[in-house]
Protein backbone atom coordinates (compact mmCIF):
# COMPACT_ATOMS: atom_id res chain seq x y z
CA MET A 1 -104.00 -39.46 -98.55
CA THR A 2 -104.66 -39.86 -102.38
CA ASN A 3 -107.54 -37.25 -102.05
CA SER A 4 -105.71 -34.52 -100.05
CA THR A 5 -106.07 -31.00 -100.66
CA ILE A 6 -102.52 -30.62 -102.21
CA ASP A 7 -103.27 -33.68 -104.46
CA ARG A 8 -106.55 -32.13 -105.76
CA ILE A 9 -104.92 -28.72 -106.39
CA LEU A 10 -102.06 -30.56 -108.29
CA ASP A 11 -104.31 -32.64 -110.38
CA ALA A 12 -106.61 -29.86 -111.24
CA ALA A 13 -103.55 -27.42 -112.09
CA GLU A 14 -101.87 -30.09 -114.25
CA VAL A 15 -105.19 -30.37 -116.34
CA GLU A 16 -105.86 -26.75 -116.62
CA PHE A 17 -102.10 -25.85 -117.38
CA ALA A 18 -102.05 -28.39 -120.13
CA ALA A 19 -105.28 -27.22 -121.61
CA HIS A 20 -104.70 -23.44 -121.38
CA GLY A 21 -101.30 -22.73 -120.43
CA PHE A 22 -99.76 -21.09 -117.33
CA VAL A 23 -100.65 -17.51 -118.32
CA GLU A 24 -104.37 -18.30 -119.20
CA THR A 25 -105.05 -20.45 -116.19
CA SER A 26 -106.54 -18.59 -113.19
CA LEU A 27 -106.13 -19.80 -109.63
CA ARG A 28 -109.91 -19.47 -109.21
CA THR A 29 -110.44 -21.99 -112.00
CA ILE A 30 -107.99 -24.48 -110.35
CA THR A 31 -109.58 -24.10 -107.09
CA THR A 32 -113.02 -24.56 -108.36
CA LYS A 33 -111.98 -27.68 -110.21
CA ALA A 34 -110.16 -29.09 -106.99
CA LYS A 35 -113.25 -28.12 -104.65
CA VAL A 36 -110.74 -26.06 -102.44
CA ASN A 37 -110.57 -22.51 -100.96
CA LEU A 38 -108.67 -20.03 -103.15
CA ALA A 39 -106.38 -19.47 -99.92
CA ALA A 40 -105.43 -23.03 -100.16
CA VAL A 41 -103.02 -22.26 -102.97
CA ASN A 42 -101.19 -19.69 -101.07
CA TYR A 43 -101.00 -21.63 -98.09
CA HIS A 44 -99.59 -24.76 -99.70
CA PHE A 45 -97.69 -23.19 -102.56
CA GLY A 46 -96.97 -19.62 -101.67
CA SER A 47 -98.00 -18.45 -105.04
CA LYS A 48 -99.19 -19.30 -108.49
CA LYS A 49 -95.51 -19.55 -109.30
CA GLY A 50 -94.94 -21.95 -106.44
CA LEU A 51 -97.77 -23.99 -107.78
CA ILE A 52 -96.38 -23.90 -111.32
CA GLN A 53 -93.01 -25.16 -109.97
CA ALA A 54 -94.60 -28.08 -108.19
CA VAL A 55 -96.45 -29.16 -111.24
CA THR A 56 -93.44 -29.05 -113.60
């Protein structure tokens, strides 16, 4: 399950947050890089805040 939706989102989020910070990184950028639907973040993490908590 190394290429799961959650893994792809977390990997993309980690890279984008490190490069641009939490405030400047959009969910659309993360989901585009992860090749997932924008709704997947809310489904798996509840919100951008939930995603940030999962990454940190």
